[in-house]
Amino acid sequence: MKKENPDVMCLNEIKCDEKSKPEKFDGYPHTYWSYNSENSGQSGVAILSKVEPKSVQYGLPVGESDAADEKKLKESFNKEGRLITVEYDNFYLINACKSDCRHIVTFLYIKNIVSS
């Protein structure tokens, strides 16, 4: 990390929770963690940033107009802590971790958002 010195770093499969995550990362005052809420120590993603983003979103947005099966899929996916989206002045950064094909529909949804 020190040699490359990135402004933003995305971590996948962090396998920790609020209690076991590192307290801080030197040089990265803005840290965003998404944990697996059902199975502590499994999956999860994090974003470490030197610059504060304009906004942060965890998981996929679940809307009132979503069909019941789509809501269920998004809620299930969100419990696994596999997605953080941050907005900066000139771009969005999506950190997503895919473990198996049962979430392929969810990732197609992400692809549609990004390509829109």
N, C-alpha and C. Protein backbone atom coordinates (compact mmCIF):
# COMPACT_ATOMS: atom_id res chain seq x y z
N MET A 1 0.82 -1.19 0.00
CA MET A 1 0.00 0.00 0.00
C MET A 1 0.86 1.25 0.00
N LYS A 2 1.89 1.25 0.78
CA LYS A 2 2.72 2.45 0.88
C LYS A 2 3.44 2.76 -0.43
N LYS A 3 3.89 1.73 -1.12
CA LYS A 3 4.62 1.95 -2.37
C LYS A 3 3.71 2.55 -3.44
N GLU A 4 2.52 2.00 -3.62
CA GLU A 4 1.61 2.49 -4.66
C GLU A 4 0.87 3.75 -4.22
N ASN A 5 0.56 3.87 -2.94
CA ASN A 5 -0.08 5.04 -2.36
C ASN A 5 -1.35 5.48 -3.11
N PRO A 6 -2.33 4.59 -3.27
CA PRO A 6 -3.55 4.96 -4.01
C PRO A 6 -4.41 5.95 -3.23
N ASP A 7 -5.16 6.77 -3.94
CA ASP A 7 -6.07 7.71 -3.30
C ASP A 7 -7.29 6.99 -2.73
N VAL A 8 -7.71 5.94 -3.43
CA VAL A 8 -8.86 5.14 -3.00
C VAL A 8 -8.49 3.68 -3.14
N MET A 9 -8.87 2.88 -2.17
CA MET A 9 -8.59 1.45 -2.21
C MET A 9 -9.87 0.66 -1.93
N CYS A 10 -10.11 -0.36 -2.75
CA CYS A 10 -11.27 -1.24 -2.56
C CYS A 10 -10.79 -2.59 -2.05
N LEU A 11 -11.40 -3.06 -0.97
CA LEU A 11 -11.07 -4.36 -0.40
C LEU A 11 -12.27 -5.29 -0.55
N ASN A 12 -12.01 -6.54 -0.90
CA ASN A 12 -13.07 -7.54 -1.05
C ASN A 12 -12.82 -8.69 -0.10
N GLU A 13 -13.90 -9.39 0.25
CA GLU A 13 -13.82 -10.53 1.16
C GLU A 13 -13.08 -10.16 2.44
N ILE A 14 -13.52 -9.07 3.07
CA ILE A 14 -12.84 -8.58 4.28
C ILE A 14 -13.02 -9.50 5.48
N LYS A 15 -14.09 -10.27 5.49
CA LYS A 15 -14.33 -11.30 6.51
C LYS A 15 -14.17 -10.79 7.94
N CYS A 16 -14.72 -9.62 8.21
CA CYS A 16 -14.69 -9.10 9.57
C CYS A 16 -16.03 -8.43 9.86
N ASP A 17 -16.18 -7.95 11.07
CA ASP A 17 -17.39 -7.23 11.44
C ASP A 17 -16.98 -5.97 12.18
N GLU A 18 -17.94 -5.25 12.70
CA GLU A 18 -17.65 -3.98 13.38
C GLU A 18 -16.63 -4.14 14.51
N LYS A 19 -16.71 -5.24 15.23
CA LYS A 19 -15.81 -5.46 16.37
C LYS A 19 -14.40 -5.84 15.95
N SER A 20 -14.26 -6.52 14.83
CA SER A 20 -12.94 -7.05 14.45
C SER A 20 -12.25 -6.27 13.33
N LYS A 21 -12.88 -5.23 12.79
CA LYS A 21 -12.23 -4.46 11.72
C LYS A 21 -11.09 -3.63 12.30
N PRO A 22 -10.10 -3.31 11.47
CA PRO A 22 -9.01 -2.45 11.95
C PRO A 22 -9.55 -1.09 12.39
N GLU A 23 -8.99 -0.54 13.43
CA GLU A 23 -9.43 0.75 13.95
C GLU A 23 -9.27 1.86 12.93
N LYS A 24 -8.10 1.91 12.28
CA LYS A 24 -7.87 2.95 11.28
C LYS A 24 -6.79 2.50 10.31
N PHE A 25 -6.76 3.15 9.17
CA PHE A 25 -5.72 2.93 8.18
C PHE A 25 -5.00 4.26 8.00
N ASP A 26 -3.72 4.29 8.29
CA ASP A 26 -2.95 5.53 8.17
C ASP A 26 -3.07 6.10 6.77
N GLY A 27 -3.39 7.38 6.69
CA GLY A 27 -3.49 8.06 5.41
C GLY A 27 -4.86 7.95 4.76
N TYR A 28 -5.77 7.17 5.36
CA TYR A 28 -7.11 6.98 4.81
C TYR A 28 -8.15 7.35 5.88
N PRO A 29 -8.46 8.63 5.97
CA PRO A 29 -9.39 9.07 7.01
C PRO A 29 -10.84 8.69 6.76
N HIS A 30 -11.16 8.33 5.53
CA HIS A 30 -12.55 8.01 5.19
C HIS A 30 -12.63 6.51 4.85
N THR A 31 -13.24 5.75 5.75
CA THR A 31 -13.36 4.30 5.54
C THR A 31 -14.82 3.90 5.60
N TYR A 32 -15.20 3.01 4.69
CA TYR A 32 -16.59 2.56 4.59
C TYR A 32 -16.58 1.04 4.52
N TRP A 33 -17.33 0.42 5.42
CA TRP A 33 -17.32 -1.02 5.57
C TRP A 33 -18.73 -1.57 5.39
N SER A 34 -18.84 -2.66 4.69
CA SER A 34 -20.11 -3.36 4.56
C SER A 34 -19.87 -4.82 4.96
N TYR A 35 -20.56 -5.24 6.01
CA TYR A 35 -20.34 -6.57 6.58
C TYR A 35 -21.48 -7.52 6.25
N ASN A 36 -21.19 -8.80 6.38
CA ASN A 36 -22.22 -9.82 6.28
C ASN A 36 -22.99 -9.80 7.60
N SER A 37 -24.26 -9.40 7.55
CA SER A 37 -25.04 -9.24 8.78
C SER A 37 -25.58 -10.56 9.32
N GLU A 38 -25.53 -11.61 8.53
CA GLU A 38 -26.06 -12.91 8.98
C GLU A 38 -24.96 -13.87 9.40
N ASN A 39 -23.81 -13.78 8.77
CA ASN A 39 -22.70 -14.70 9.06
C ASN A 39 -21.43 -13.89 9.29
N SER A 40 -21.23 -13.48 10.52
CA SER A 40 -20.06 -12.68 10.87
C SER A 40 -18.79 -13.39 10.43
N GLY A 41 -17.87 -12.63 9.84
CA GLY A 41 -16.61 -13.20 9.40
C GLY A 41 -16.66 -13.78 8.00
N GLN A 42 -17.76 -13.57 7.29
CA GLN A 42 -17.85 -14.04 5.90
C GLN A 42 -18.09 -12.85 4.99
N SER A 43 -17.55 -12.91 3.80
CA SER A 43 -17.69 -11.91 2.75
C SER A 43 -17.41 -10.50 3.26
N GLY A 44 -18.05 -9.50 2.68
CA GLY A 44 -17.86 -8.11 3.06
C GLY A 44 -16.90 -7.36 2.16
N VAL A 45 -17.13 -6.05 2.03
CA VAL A 45 -16.28 -5.18 1.24
C VAL A 45 -16.00 -3.90 2.02
N ALA A 46 -14.94 -3.21 1.61
CA ALA A 46 -14.60 -1.94 2.24
C ALA A 46 -13.99 -1.01 1.20
N ILE A 47 -14.15 0.29 1.44
CA ILE A 47 -13.50 1.31 0.63
C ILE A 47 -12.74 2.22 1.58
N LEU A 48 -11.47 2.43 1.29
CA LEU A 48 -10.61 3.32 2.05
C LEU A 48 -10.28 4.49 1.14
N SER A 49 -10.46 5.71 1.62
CA SER A 49 -10.29 6.87 0.75
C SER A 49 -9.58 8.02 1.46
N LYS A 50 -8.73 8.68 0.70
CA LYS A 50 -8.08 9.89 1.21
C LYS A 50 -9.00 11.10 1.08
N VAL A 51 -9.94 11.00 0.14
CA VAL A 51 -10.86 12.10 -0.14
C VAL A 51 -12.27 11.69 0.29
N GLU A 52 -12.97 12.58 0.94
CA GLU A 52 -14.34 12.28 1.36
C GLU A 52 -15.28 12.31 0.15
N PRO A 53 -16.03 11.23 -0.07
CA PRO A 53 -16.97 11.23 -1.19
C PRO A 53 -18.19 12.10 -0.89
N LYS A 54 -18.91 12.45 -1.94
CA LYS A 54 -20.13 13.24 -1.79
C LYS A 54 -21.24 12.41 -1.16
N SER A 55 -21.27 11.12 -1.49
CA SER A 55 -22.29 10.24 -0.91
C SER A 55 -21.78 8.80 -0.88
N VAL A 56 -22.41 8.01 -0.02
CA VAL A 56 -22.08 6.59 0.13
C VAL A 56 -23.38 5.82 0.18
N GLN A 57 -23.47 4.74 -0.58
CA GLN A 57 -24.65 3.87 -0.55
C GLN A 57 -24.18 2.43 -0.32
N TYR A 58 -24.84 1.77 0.62
CA TYR A 58 -24.53 0.39 0.93
C TYR A 58 -25.59 -0.52 0.30
N GLY A 59 -25.16 -1.53 -0.41
CA GLY A 59 -26.09 -2.47 -1.02
C GLY A 59 -26.84 -1.87 -2.19
N LEU A 60 -27.83 -2.63 -2.64
CA LEU A 60 -28.70 -2.18 -3.73
C LEU A 60 -29.89 -1.43 -3.16
N PRO A 61 -30.33 -0.38 -3.84
CA PRO A 61 -31.51 0.34 -3.35
C PRO A 61 -32.76 -0.53 -3.48
N VAL A 62 -33.55 -0.56 -2.43
CA VAL A 62 -34.81 -1.30 -2.44
C VAL A 62 -35.92 -0.27 -2.49
N GLY A 63 -36.67 -0.27 -3.58
CA GLY A 63 -37.72 0.72 -3.77
C GLY A 63 -39.10 0.18 -3.51
N GLU A 64 -40.00 1.08 -3.18
CA GLU A 64 -41.40 0.68 -2.95
C GLU A 64 -42.04 0.10 -4.20
N SER A 65 -41.58 0.53 -5.36
CA SER A 65 -42.17 0.05 -6.60
C SER A 65 -41.54 -1.26 -7.09
N ASP A 66 -40.53 -1.76 -6.38
CA ASP A 66 -39.91 -3.04 -6.77
C ASP A 66 -40.91 -4.18 -6.62
N ALA A 67 -40.86 -5.11 -7.54
CA ALA A 67 -41.68 -6.32 -7.43
C ALA A 67 -41.22 -7.10 -6.20
N ALA A 68 -42.11 -7.88 -5.63
CA ALA A 68 -41.81 -8.61 -4.39
C ALA A 68 -40.58 -9.50 -4.53
N ASP A 69 -40.45 -10.22 -5.64
CA ASP A 69 -39.29 -11.11 -5.82
C ASP A 69 -38.00 -10.31 -5.98
N GLU A 70 -38.09 -9.14 -6.62
CA GLU A 70 -36.91 -8.28 -6.77
C GLU A 70 -36.49 -7.72 -5.41
N LYS A 71 -37.45 -7.30 -4.60
CA LYS A 71 -37.17 -6.81 -3.25
C LYS A 71 -36.47 -7.89 -2.42
N LYS A 72 -37.02 -9.09 -2.49
CA LYS A 72 -36.46 -10.21 -1.71
C LYS A 72 -35.02 -10.50 -2.13
N LEU A 73 -34.76 -10.49 -3.43
CA LEU A 73 -33.42 -10.74 -3.94
C LEU A 73 -32.45 -9.65 -3.47
N LYS A 74 -32.87 -8.39 -3.59
CA LYS A 74 -32.01 -7.28 -3.16
C LYS A 74 -31.75 -7.33 -1.66
N GLU A 75 -32.77 -7.58 -0.86
CA GLU A 75 -32.60 -7.65 0.59
C GLU A 75 -31.67 -8.78 0.99
N SER A 76 -31.80 -9.92 0.33
CA SER A 76 -30.92 -11.06 0.60
C SER A 76 -29.48 -10.71 0.24
N PHE A 77 -29.29 -10.11 -0.92
CA PHE A 77 -27.97 -9.69 -1.36
C PHE A 77 -27.37 -8.68 -0.38
N ASN A 78 -28.16 -7.70 0.04
CA ASN A 78 -27.66 -6.65 0.92
C ASN A 78 -27.20 -7.17 2.27
N LYS A 79 -27.78 -8.24 2.75
CA LYS A 79 -27.37 -8.82 4.04
C LYS A 79 -25.95 -9.37 4.00
N GLU A 80 -25.46 -9.67 2.80
CA GLU A 80 -24.14 -10.27 2.66
C GLU A 80 -23.01 -9.24 2.63
N GLY A 81 -23.34 -7.96 2.60
CA GLY A 81 -22.31 -6.92 2.65
C GLY A 81 -21.38 -6.92 1.45
N ARG A 82 -21.92 -7.09 0.26
CA ARG A 82 -21.09 -7.24 -0.93
C ARG A 82 -21.06 -6.04 -1.86
N LEU A 83 -21.59 -4.89 -1.44
CA LEU A 83 -21.63 -3.76 -2.36
C LEU A 83 -21.60 -2.42 -1.61
N ILE A 84 -20.68 -1.56 -2.03
CA ILE A 84 -20.65 -0.17 -1.58
C ILE A 84 -20.46 0.68 -2.83
N THR A 85 -21.24 1.73 -2.95
CA THR A 85 -21.10 2.69 -4.05
C THR A 85 -20.80 4.06 -3.44
N VAL A 86 -19.72 4.69 -3.90
CA VAL A 86 -19.40 6.03 -3.43
C VAL A 86 -19.41 6.97 -4.63
N GLU A 87 -19.89 8.18 -4.36
CA GLU A 87 -19.95 9.21 -5.40
C GLU A 87 -18.90 10.27 -5.11
N TYR A 88 -18.04 10.51 -6.09
CA TYR A 88 -17.07 11.60 -6.02
C TYR A 88 -17.51 12.69 -7.01
N ASP A 89 -16.78 13.77 -7.07
CA ASP A 89 -17.17 14.88 -7.94
C ASP A 89 -17.35 14.48 -9.40
N ASN A 90 -16.45 13.64 -9.91
CA ASN A 90 -16.46 13.32 -11.34
C ASN A 90 -16.77 11.87 -11.69
N PHE A 91 -17.02 11.03 -10.70
CA PHE A 91 -17.28 9.62 -10.99
C PHE A 91 -17.92 8.92 -9.80
N TYR A 92 -18.47 7.75 -10.09
CA TYR A 92 -18.97 6.84 -9.07
C TYR A 92 -18.00 5.66 -9.02
N LEU A 93 -17.74 5.19 -7.82
CA LEU A 93 -16.91 4.01 -7.63
C LEU A 93 -17.77 2.92 -7.00
N ILE A 94 -17.82 1.78 -7.64
CA ILE A 94 -18.60 0.65 -7.14
C ILE A 94 -17.64 -0.46 -6.73
N ASN A 95 -17.70 -0.85 -5.47
CA ASN A 95 -16.93 -1.98 -4.98
C ASN A 95 -17.92 -3.11 -4.72
N ALA A 96 -17.86 -4.13 -5.57
CA ALA A 96 -18.79 -5.25 -5.46
C ALA A 96 -18.00 -6.55 -5.43
N CYS A 97 -18.45 -7.46 -4.62
CA CYS A 97 -17.81 -8.76 -4.50
C CYS A 97 -18.84 -9.84 -4.80
N LYS A 98 -18.58 -10.62 -5.81
CA LYS A 98 -19.51 -11.69 -6.20
C LYS A 98 -18.92 -13.03 -5.79
N SER A 99 -19.74 -13.84 -5.13
CA SER A 99 -19.21 -15.13 -4.68
C SER A 99 -19.71 -16.31 -5.50
N ASP A 100 -20.92 -16.24 -5.98
CA ASP A 100 -21.46 -17.37 -6.74
C ASP A 100 -22.53 -16.86 -7.70
N CYS A 101 -23.03 -17.75 -8.52
CA CYS A 101 -23.95 -17.32 -9.58
C CYS A 101 -25.38 -17.09 -9.11
N ARG A 102 -25.71 -17.36 -7.86
CA ARG A 102 -27.10 -17.15 -7.46
C ARG A 102 -27.48 -15.67 -7.44
N HIS A 103 -26.48 -14.81 -7.48
CA HIS A 103 -26.75 -13.38 -7.50
C HIS A 103 -26.57 -12.78 -8.90
N ILE A 104 -26.55 -13.61 -9.93
CA ILE A 104 -26.31 -13.10 -11.27
C ILE A 104 -27.34 -12.06 -11.67
N VAL A 105 -28.58 -12.23 -11.27
CA VAL A 105 -29.61 -11.24 -11.59
C VAL A 105 -29.28 -9.90 -10.93
N THR A 106 -28.80 -9.95 -9.70
CA THR A 106 -28.44 -8.73 -8.99
C THR A 106 -27.32 -8.00 -9.72
N PHE A 107 -26.32 -8.74 -10.18
CA PHE A 107 -25.22 -8.09 -10.86
C PHE A 107 -25.63 -7.57 -12.23
N LEU A 108 -26.57 -8.21 -12.87
CA LEU A 108 -27.11 -7.64 -14.10
C LEU A 108 -27.80 -6.32 -13.80
N TYR A 109 -28.45 -6.24 -12.65
CA TYR A 109 -29.09 -4.99 -12.21
C TYR A 109 -28.02 -3.90 -12.04
N ILE A 110 -26.90 -4.25 -11.39
CA ILE A 110 -25.82 -3.28 -11.20
C ILE A 110 -25.30 -2.83 -12.57
N LYS A 111 -25.12 -3.78 -13.48
CA LYS A 111 -24.64 -3.45 -14.82
C LYS A 111 -25.60 -2.46 -15.50
N ASN A 112 -26.87 -2.65 -15.34
CA ASN A 112 -27.84 -1.74 -15.95
C ASN A 112 -27.73 -0.34 -15.36
N ILE A 113 -27.47 -0.24 -14.07
CA ILE A 113 -27.31 1.07 -13.43
C ILE A 113 -26.07 1.77 -13.99
N VAL A 114 -24.98 1.04 -14.07
CA VAL A 114 -23.71 1.61 -14.51
C VAL A 114 -23.78 2.05 -15.96
N SER A 115 -24.42 1.27 -16.81
CA SER A 115 -24.45 1.59 -18.23
C SER A 115 -25.54 2.60 -18.59
N SER A 116 -26.37 2.97 -17.64
CA SER A 116 -27.44 3.95 -17.92
C SER A 116 -26.92 5.35 -18.05
